[in-house]
Every structure is written in structure tokens, then in C-alpha cells.
């Protein structure tokens, strides 16, 4: 049986234990209140800073991370690229390589599509006014007769020329003066006239013509070639159902590697040991369909040109699904019966 002294000591220990437990509880409660207060204060500070950022930047959105910002910028760049591609597609108007059909707006606001049969570009040079006058009298017509040809037969004809290397000199002024009288030039302002640049000139003609006129076909002709317009129109009518055609007097020909030769080809080594060109249409006159002209227009910046324009044009179609049509009526130098063109 425990003594009274032992019982008192046990009671004192229990009392002190309860005091310590109560004090620990009080400390824990105060610590919890302190931590909660600091967390609430930090949260309020973040909210304040975000609101201040929104107020300063004028945006009602929460701040985003650097990674999120970079993602937004990347999305915007992709959107710009997409918009550019959509504009390119809208600029192309044929069913072969790209999809584009230009429409002409009537005065009443409705749309109608009227496609020309052909656009003919006659490549000419400075100092060739006599040739141009002869062409106008022989088969091209001028003034009201030229406009009637466009309206009745759907055929546009223009002389194609660039600008003088010395911009604004007498050569340019003479062409501008002649054009004011005849209104039958396509002047390539971004092309400097030079014999060695004839291939680039042909490329720019097709690109500019395809961008300007909605036609079934586009033809390149030299200014010393006479063309039977009625026979040309009838012949082209037979190919309206073929979307990608390249029509001309097809040939191959020798590649000349001697610099002194008239038809020297600086890139002769690209044509193999046989030194023979691939099949291409003679440069006197040839025709391409709208799809092919649009291909040239879209890719004008990367299409390679060689020393001769007929070889250059033929090279662009080697890897494409383009039908090469060897048309003897386009052999202008042969003077064969039924020929559409004749070189003089």
C-alpha cells in the first residue's frame, strides 16, 4: 500500500505533464496561425503583382511564362506562313498544279468567269521598230482591230520588252513613246534588256502574263515570225481538254562547248558526254497551257535558265507531268503546208 508521500509525488507529476501538453498545444496553434498568415499574405502579394502587371501592360490576362510566350510567338509565325500559302494558292488558278480561277466582277456586283483563249507574247528588242511595224501590218493588227481580236477571238497579243540597262535613256523613252501610240506592249520593268538575258525575259513574260490574264494558253513568238491567228485558234481548240500541255516543233540538237561558237552553252557539261539537248520546242514559237504557265509564275525565282530560252523552258518541264506535243505546224522555218507560223 502506497504511502501518502508517494501519492503526492505522482499527483504533482501528472499536473506538470498536463501543463506541458497545454503549452505545446498553444505553441502549435500559434505556429499554425503564423504559417497560415504568411501563406495568405504571399497569395495576396501575388494577386496584387499580377493585377499591377495587367494594369501596366493593358491586358486583362494573367502573366504567362517565357515558354508560353515562345509558343504564342511560334503560333503567330505559323499563322503568317499559313496566310502566305493561302495567298499563293489564291494566286494560282488552274486545275493541274494549283487551284485558282480568277473571276471578273460585273457592274451589278455579280461574278462571272471569262477565260481568254490565248495570250501571245512577241519578244522584241530595242531598235526593232521596223520588225514590229511589219508584224502589226501582217497579222497582229493594231488599234481598234487589235481590240476586236481580243473581244471576238479571246486572243491577247503584246510585244514583250524590258528596260534599258541605263534606265530612262533614249531607248526607254522611244519604247514609251511607241507604246503611247499603239498600246500593244508588255514592258517588263524589272528586266534589263541584253541578248544574254533572253531566257530570263521569256520566263518573266510567262510569269507576268499568267498573273495578268486568265487564259487557256500562253504562247511565245519571236518578232521575225508571222502567225496565222485563225489556224492557231483552231489548233488550240483541240487541246482544251488537256490541262498540262507543251506544244511546239520539238527537237534535241547539239550542245556546243566551244566559247567561240554562236550557240555556245556555258553549262554544256550538264548535258552528258553525248552533248545533246533533251527534247524541247523550237524557240521561234511554242505554246504552254495555263497550268504550266502558273507553275512558271509561282516558281520563277528558282527556275534555272540556260544560254537559250527554248532549252531553258524545256528544262523546267522534264520532271513534271506535262504532255509534250510535237506539232509540225509550229516548225516555222520549214514553210510546210498548213504551217501556223513562218519565219522571215
Protein backbone atom coordinates (compact mmCIF):
# COMPACT_ATOMS: atom_id res chain seq x y z
CA UNK A 1 0.00 0.00 0.00
CA UNK A 2 1.49 3.33 -1.15
CA UNK A 3 2.36 5.98 1.38
CA UNK A 4 0.83 9.44 1.34
CA UNK A 5 4.18 10.95 0.20
CA UNK A 6 4.32 8.75 -2.88
CA UNK A 7 0.77 9.63 -3.79
CA UNK A 8 1.52 13.34 -3.63
CA UNK A 9 4.56 12.96 -5.89
CA UNK A 10 2.51 11.15 -8.54
CA UNK A 11 -0.16 13.83 -8.44
CA UNK A 12 2.48 16.54 -8.94
CA UNK A 13 3.97 14.76 -11.96
CA UNK A 14 0.57 14.36 -13.63
CA UNK A 15 -0.21 18.05 -13.07
CA UNK A 16 3.10 19.13 -14.62
CA UNK A 17 2.53 16.85 -17.64
CA UNK A 18 -0.82 18.45 -18.27
CA UNK A 19 0.79 21.90 -18.11
CA UNK A 20 3.43 20.94 -20.69
CA UNK A 21 0.84 19.41 -23.02
CA UNK A 22 -1.25 22.56 -22.79
CA UNK A 23 1.75 24.77 -23.55
CA UNK A 24 2.76 22.61 -26.54
CA UNK A 25 -0.76 22.80 -27.88
CA UNK A 26 -0.70 26.58 -27.54
CA UNK A 27 2.67 26.80 -29.35
CA UNK A 28 1.43 24.51 -32.17
CA UNK A 29 -1.72 26.59 -32.58
CA UNK A 30 0.24 29.84 -32.72
CA UNK A 31 2.71 28.34 -35.27
CA UNK A 32 -0.15 27.16 -37.47
CA UNK A 33 -1.76 30.61 -37.31
CA UNK A 34 1.59 32.24 -38.20
CA UNK A 35 2.23 29.94 -41.22
CA UNK A 36 -1.33 30.38 -42.49
CA UNK A 37 -0.96 34.14 -42.17
CA UNK A 38 2.28 34.16 -44.15
CA UNK A 39 0.78 31.97 -46.88
CA UNK A 40 -2.26 34.22 -47.13
CA UNK A 41 0.00 37.28 -47.28
CA UNK A 42 2.12 35.73 -50.06
CA UNK A 43 -1.02 34.85 -52.03
CA UNK A 44 -2.31 38.38 -51.67
CA UNK A 45 1.04 39.74 -52.82
CA UNK A 46 0.97 37.58 -55.96
CA UNK A 47 -2.56 38.67 -56.75
CA UNK A 48 -1.52 42.29 -56.30
CA UNK A 49 1.51 41.91 -58.54
CA UNK A 50 -0.49 40.21 -61.29
CA UNK A 51 -3.12 42.94 -61.17
CA UNK A 52 -0.42 45.58 -61.37
CA UNK A 53 1.18 43.80 -64.36
CA UNK A 54 -2.19 43.65 -66.11
CA UNK A 55 -2.77 47.31 -65.38
CA UNK A 56 0.66 48.36 -66.71
CA UNK A 57 0.54 46.23 -69.86
CA UNK A 58 -3.13 46.98 -70.51
CA UNK A 59 -4.02 43.30 -70.74
CA UNK A 60 -6.67 41.52 -68.75
CA UNK A 61 -4.83 38.24 -68.76
CA UNK A 62 -2.66 36.62 -66.17
CA UNK A 63 1.08 36.65 -66.60
CA UNK A 64 2.45 33.74 -68.64
CA UNK A 65 5.79 32.03 -68.57
CA UNK A 66 8.61 32.53 -71.07
CA UNK A 67 7.90 29.12 -72.57
CA UNK A 68 4.27 30.03 -73.08
CA UNK A 69 5.30 33.31 -74.69
CA UNK A 70 7.60 31.50 -77.14
CA UNK A 71 4.77 29.12 -78.01
CA UNK A 72 2.48 32.04 -78.75
CA UNK A 73 5.12 33.65 -81.00
CA UNK A 74 5.65 30.34 -82.83
CA UNK A 75 1.90 30.01 -83.39
CA UNK A 76 1.77 33.51 -84.80
CA UNK A 77 4.65 32.74 -87.18
CA UNK A 78 2.88 29.59 -88.33
CA UNK A 79 -0.27 31.62 -88.88
CA UNK A 80 1.68 34.07 -91.05
CA UNK A 81 3.11 31.22 -93.11
CA UNK A 82 -0.33 29.69 -93.48
CA UNK A 83 -1.76 33.02 -94.63
CA UNK A 84 1.06 33.37 -97.16
CA UNK A 85 0.39 29.87 -98.51
CA UNK A 86 -3.31 30.63 -98.77
CA UNK A 87 -2.50 33.78 -100.75
CA UNK A 88 -0.24 31.75 -103.05
CA UNK A 89 -2.96 29.22 -103.63
CA UNK A 90 -5.43 32.00 -104.26
CA UNK A 91 -2.97 33.43 -106.81
CA UNK A 92 -2.78 30.13 -108.72
CA UNK A 93 -5.73 29.33 -110.94
CA UNK A 94 -5.63 26.08 -112.70
CA UNK A 95 -6.60 22.53 -112.02
CA UNK A 96 -3.26 20.87 -112.71
CA UNK A 97 -0.61 22.14 -110.29
CA UNK A 98 -2.55 24.60 -108.17
CA UNK A 99 -6.11 25.75 -107.71
CA UNK A 100 -7.02 29.17 -108.93
CA UNK A 101 -9.80 30.59 -111.04
CA UNK A 102 -9.90 34.32 -111.41
CA UNK A 103 -13.30 35.92 -111.60
CA UNK A 104 -14.31 39.14 -113.21
CA UNK A 105 -16.85 41.31 -111.45
CA UNK A 106 -19.73 42.72 -113.42
CA UNK A 107 -21.10 46.19 -112.88
CA UNK A 108 -24.05 44.79 -110.95
CA UNK A 109 -21.73 43.18 -108.42
CA UNK A 110 -22.16 39.56 -109.56
CA UNK A 111 -19.24 37.39 -110.61
CA UNK A 112 -18.63 35.62 -113.86
CA UNK A 113 -15.62 33.74 -115.17
CA UNK A 114 -14.47 34.55 -118.67
CA UNK A 115 -11.28 32.90 -119.79
CA UNK A 116 -9.34 34.02 -122.84
CA UNK A 117 -8.19 31.51 -125.40
CA UNK A 118 -4.58 32.64 -125.61
CA UNK A 119 -2.06 35.31 -124.70
CA UNK A 120 0.71 35.73 -127.29
CA UNK A 121 3.94 37.44 -126.33
CA UNK A 122 6.14 38.62 -129.18
CA UNK A 123 9.67 39.01 -127.82
CA UNK A 124 11.26 42.10 -129.32
CA UNK A 125 14.29 44.33 -128.72
CA UNK A 126 15.38 47.92 -128.91
CA UNK A 127 15.97 49.01 -132.48
CA UNK A 128 13.44 46.54 -133.92
CA UNK A 129 10.64 49.01 -134.67
CA UNK A 130 10.60 48.08 -138.37
CA UNK A 131 10.01 44.44 -137.42
CA UNK A 132 7.19 45.43 -135.08
CA UNK A 133 5.53 47.58 -137.71
CA UNK A 134 5.75 44.70 -140.19
CA UNK A 135 4.12 42.34 -137.67
CA UNK A 136 1.34 44.84 -136.99
CA UNK A 137 0.54 45.11 -140.69
CA UNK A 138 0.87 41.38 -141.41
CA UNK A 139 -1.02 39.56 -138.66
CA UNK A 140 -1.18 41.33 -135.31
CA UNK A 141 -3.34 44.34 -136.22
CA UNK A 142 -3.41 47.49 -134.13
CA UNK A 143 -5.81 49.96 -132.54
CA UNK A 144 -9.48 49.04 -132.82
CA UNK A 145 -8.69 45.92 -134.85
CA UNK A 146 -6.45 44.61 -132.07
CA UNK A 147 -9.19 45.24 -129.51
CA UNK A 148 -11.71 43.45 -131.74
CA UNK A 149 -9.37 40.45 -131.91
CA UNK A 150 -9.34 40.32 -128.12
CA UNK A 151 -13.12 40.62 -127.84
CA UNK A 152 -14.12 38.31 -130.70
CA UNK A 153 -11.46 35.60 -130.59
CA UNK A 154 -10.27 35.87 -127.00
CA UNK A 155 -6.63 36.35 -128.06
CA UNK A 156 -4.34 38.93 -126.44
CA UNK A 157 -1.17 39.92 -128.36
CA UNK A 158 1.61 42.06 -126.91
CA UNK A 159 5.19 42.92 -127.77
CA UNK A 160 7.41 41.98 -124.84
CA UNK A 161 10.42 44.08 -123.95
CA UNK A 162 12.43 45.01 -120.87
CA UNK A 163 14.08 48.23 -119.85
CA UNK A 164 17.39 49.74 -120.87
CA UNK A 165 20.35 48.99 -118.56
CA UNK A 166 20.63 52.79 -118.37
CA UNK A 167 17.17 53.41 -117.02
CA UNK A 168 15.33 56.35 -118.51
CA UNK A 169 17.61 56.86 -121.51
CA UNK A 170 16.54 57.42 -125.12
CA UNK A 171 15.88 53.69 -125.63
CA UNK A 172 13.32 53.64 -122.85
CA UNK A 173 11.80 56.91 -123.98
CA UNK A 174 11.39 55.63 -127.54
CA UNK A 175 9.58 52.49 -126.36
CA UNK A 176 7.33 54.51 -124.05
CA UNK A 177 6.50 56.88 -126.90
CA UNK A 178 5.73 53.98 -129.27
CA UNK A 179 3.56 52.33 -126.65
CA UNK A 180 1.55 55.50 -126.12
CA UNK A 181 0.68 55.40 -129.81
CA UNK A 182 0.00 51.67 -130.17
CA UNK A 183 -0.81 50.44 -126.63
CA UNK A 184 0.43 46.96 -127.53
CA UNK A 185 3.48 46.45 -125.29
CA UNK A 186 4.14 44.39 -122.21
CA UNK A 187 7.06 46.27 -120.65
CA UNK A 188 8.97 44.24 -118.06
CA UNK A 189 10.18 46.96 -115.72
CA UNK A 190 12.23 44.54 -113.62
CA UNK A 191 14.19 43.17 -116.59
CA UNK A 192 17.20 44.79 -118.24
CA UNK A 193 17.41 44.12 -121.98
CA UNK A 194 20.50 42.15 -123.02
CA UNK A 195 20.97 39.34 -125.58
CA UNK A 196 22.38 37.01 -122.92
CA UNK A 197 19.32 37.57 -120.71
CA UNK A 198 16.75 36.35 -123.22
CA UNK A 199 15.97 33.21 -121.21
CA UNK A 200 15.10 35.27 -118.13
CA UNK A 201 12.99 37.54 -120.30
CA UNK A 202 10.96 34.58 -121.57
CA UNK A 203 10.46 33.34 -118.00
CA UNK A 204 9.27 36.77 -116.86
CA UNK A 205 6.89 37.02 -119.81
CA UNK A 206 5.11 33.78 -118.90
CA UNK A 207 5.02 34.70 -115.21
CA UNK A 208 3.67 38.19 -115.86
CA UNK A 209 1.16 37.01 -118.46
CA UNK A 210 -0.17 34.27 -116.17
CA UNK A 211 -0.56 36.80 -113.36
CA UNK A 212 -2.30 39.34 -115.57
CA UNK A 213 -4.64 37.38 -117.85
CA UNK A 214 -6.81 34.33 -117.30
CA UNK A 215 -6.19 32.33 -120.48
CA UNK A 216 -6.25 28.74 -121.60
CA UNK A 217 -2.86 29.03 -123.32
CA UNK A 218 0.20 31.27 -123.40
CA UNK A 219 2.43 31.49 -126.49
CA UNK A 220 5.92 32.86 -127.04
CA UNK A 221 6.81 34.12 -130.54
CA UNK A 222 9.87 35.85 -131.99
CA UNK A 223 9.39 39.20 -133.72
CA UNK A 224 10.56 37.79 -137.07
CA UNK A 225 7.78 35.16 -137.17
CA UNK A 226 4.40 35.56 -138.83
CA UNK A 227 1.44 33.73 -137.31
CA UNK A 228 -1.87 32.58 -138.81
CA UNK A 229 -4.20 33.58 -135.96
CA UNK A 230 -7.25 31.70 -137.27
CA UNK A 231 -5.28 28.49 -137.74
CA UNK A 232 -3.70 28.89 -134.30
CA UNK A 233 -7.09 29.32 -132.63
CA UNK A 234 -8.50 26.25 -134.38
CA UNK A 235 -5.48 24.14 -133.41
CA UNK A 236 -5.54 25.19 -129.76
CA UNK A 237 -9.22 24.30 -129.55
CA UNK A 238 -8.24 20.65 -129.92
CA UNK A 239 -6.25 20.76 -126.66
CA UNK A 240 -8.74 22.50 -124.37
CA UNK A 241 -9.41 19.25 -122.51
CA UNK A 242 -5.73 18.70 -121.72
CA UNK A 243 -4.71 20.73 -118.64
CA UNK A 244 -0.91 20.44 -118.93
CA UNK A 245 0.49 20.69 -122.44
CA UNK A 246 3.69 21.99 -124.02
CA UNK A 247 3.20 22.38 -127.77
CA UNK A 248 5.85 23.15 -130.35
CA UNK A 249 8.22 21.95 -133.03
CA UNK A 250 10.17 19.52 -130.86
CA UNK A 251 13.90 18.98 -131.37
CA UNK A 252 17.03 17.99 -129.47
CA UNK A 253 20.09 19.49 -131.10
CA UNK A 254 23.78 19.55 -130.33
CA UNK A 255 25.26 21.18 -127.26
CA UNK A 256 28.22 23.38 -128.23
CA UNK A 257 31.06 23.65 -125.71
CA UNK A 258 33.32 25.97 -127.71
CA UNK A 259 33.13 29.56 -126.37
CA UNK A 260 33.60 30.98 -129.87
CA UNK A 261 30.55 29.18 -131.29
CA UNK A 262 27.38 31.19 -131.96
CA UNK A 263 25.26 28.78 -129.89
CA UNK A 264 27.77 28.25 -127.08
CA UNK A 265 26.32 26.73 -123.91
CA UNK A 266 28.35 27.60 -120.77
CA UNK A 267 26.70 24.72 -118.90
CA UNK A 268 27.45 22.21 -121.66
CA UNK A 269 28.90 19.70 -119.18
CA UNK A 270 25.50 19.24 -117.54
CA UNK A 271 24.11 17.57 -120.64
CA UNK A 272 26.29 14.47 -120.53
CA UNK A 273 29.02 13.03 -122.70
CA UNK A 274 26.71 12.83 -125.71
CA UNK A 275 26.45 16.62 -125.83
CA UNK A 276 22.83 16.51 -126.92
CA UNK A 277 19.97 18.57 -125.52
CA UNK A 278 16.81 16.95 -124.19
CA UNK A 279 13.64 17.29 -126.27
CA UNK A 280 12.32 20.83 -126.28
CA UNK A 281 10.28 23.10 -128.52
CA UNK A 282 11.96 25.39 -131.02
CA UNK A 283 12.23 28.94 -129.73
CA UNK A 284 10.60 30.53 -132.77
CA UNK A 285 7.14 29.73 -131.41
CA UNK A 286 5.70 27.44 -128.77
CA UNK A 287 2.62 27.26 -126.54
CA UNK A 288 2.02 26.16 -122.96
CA UNK A 289 -1.26 25.68 -121.13
CA UNK A 290 -2.42 27.70 -118.16
CA UNK A 291 -1.33 25.11 -115.59
CA UNK A 292 2.22 25.16 -116.91
CA UNK A 293 2.32 28.97 -117.06
CA UNK A 294 1.15 29.14 -113.45
CA UNK A 295 3.92 26.75 -112.46
CA UNK A 296 6.46 29.14 -114.02
CA UNK A 297 4.85 32.11 -112.28
CA UNK A 298 4.95 30.53 -108.83
CA UNK A 299 8.48 29.14 -109.17
CA UNK A 300 10.06 31.94 -111.19
CA UNK A 301 12.65 32.65 -108.50
CA UNK A 302 14.14 29.14 -108.53
CA UNK A 303 13.79 28.04 -112.16
CA UNK A 304 17.23 27.69 -113.75
CA UNK A 305 17.92 29.38 -117.09
CA UNK A 306 20.44 28.31 -119.72
CA UNK A 307 22.03 30.19 -122.61
CA UNK A 308 18.98 29.71 -124.86
CA UNK A 309 15.38 30.36 -123.92
CA UNK A 310 13.92 27.32 -125.69
CA UNK A 311 16.30 25.00 -123.84
CA UNK A 312 15.55 26.76 -120.56
CA UNK A 313 11.80 26.40 -120.96
CA UNK A 314 12.12 22.74 -121.91
CA UNK A 315 14.28 22.03 -118.86
CA UNK A 316 11.57 23.26 -116.49
CA UNK A 317 9.12 20.56 -117.60
CA UNK A 318 11.37 17.48 -117.58
CA UNK A 319 10.35 16.41 -114.10
CA UNK A 320 6.72 17.48 -114.39
CA UNK A 321 3.64 15.65 -115.57
CA UNK A 322 3.48 17.77 -118.72
CA UNK A 323 2.49 16.36 -122.10
CA UNK A 324 5.00 17.24 -124.82
CA UNK A 325 3.20 17.64 -128.15
CA UNK A 326 5.39 17.65 -131.26
CA UNK A 327 3.35 19.87 -133.59
CA UNK A 328 4.85 20.19 -137.07
CA UNK A 329 2.63 23.21 -137.75
CA UNK A 330 4.87 25.09 -135.33
CA UNK A 331 8.02 24.38 -137.35
CA UNK A 332 8.14 27.97 -138.58
CA UNK A 333 11.35 27.59 -140.62
CA UNK A 334 10.08 24.67 -142.69
CA UNK A 335 7.39 26.56 -144.64
CA UNK A 336 5.46 23.30 -144.72
CA UNK A 337 1.90 23.11 -145.96
CA UNK A 338 -0.61 24.05 -143.27
CA UNK A 339 2.00 25.69 -141.04
CA UNK A 340 0.67 28.07 -138.42
CA UNK A 341 3.82 30.20 -138.39
CA UNK A 342 6.52 31.26 -140.81
CA UNK A 343 9.91 32.80 -140.07
CA UNK A 344 11.14 35.60 -142.31
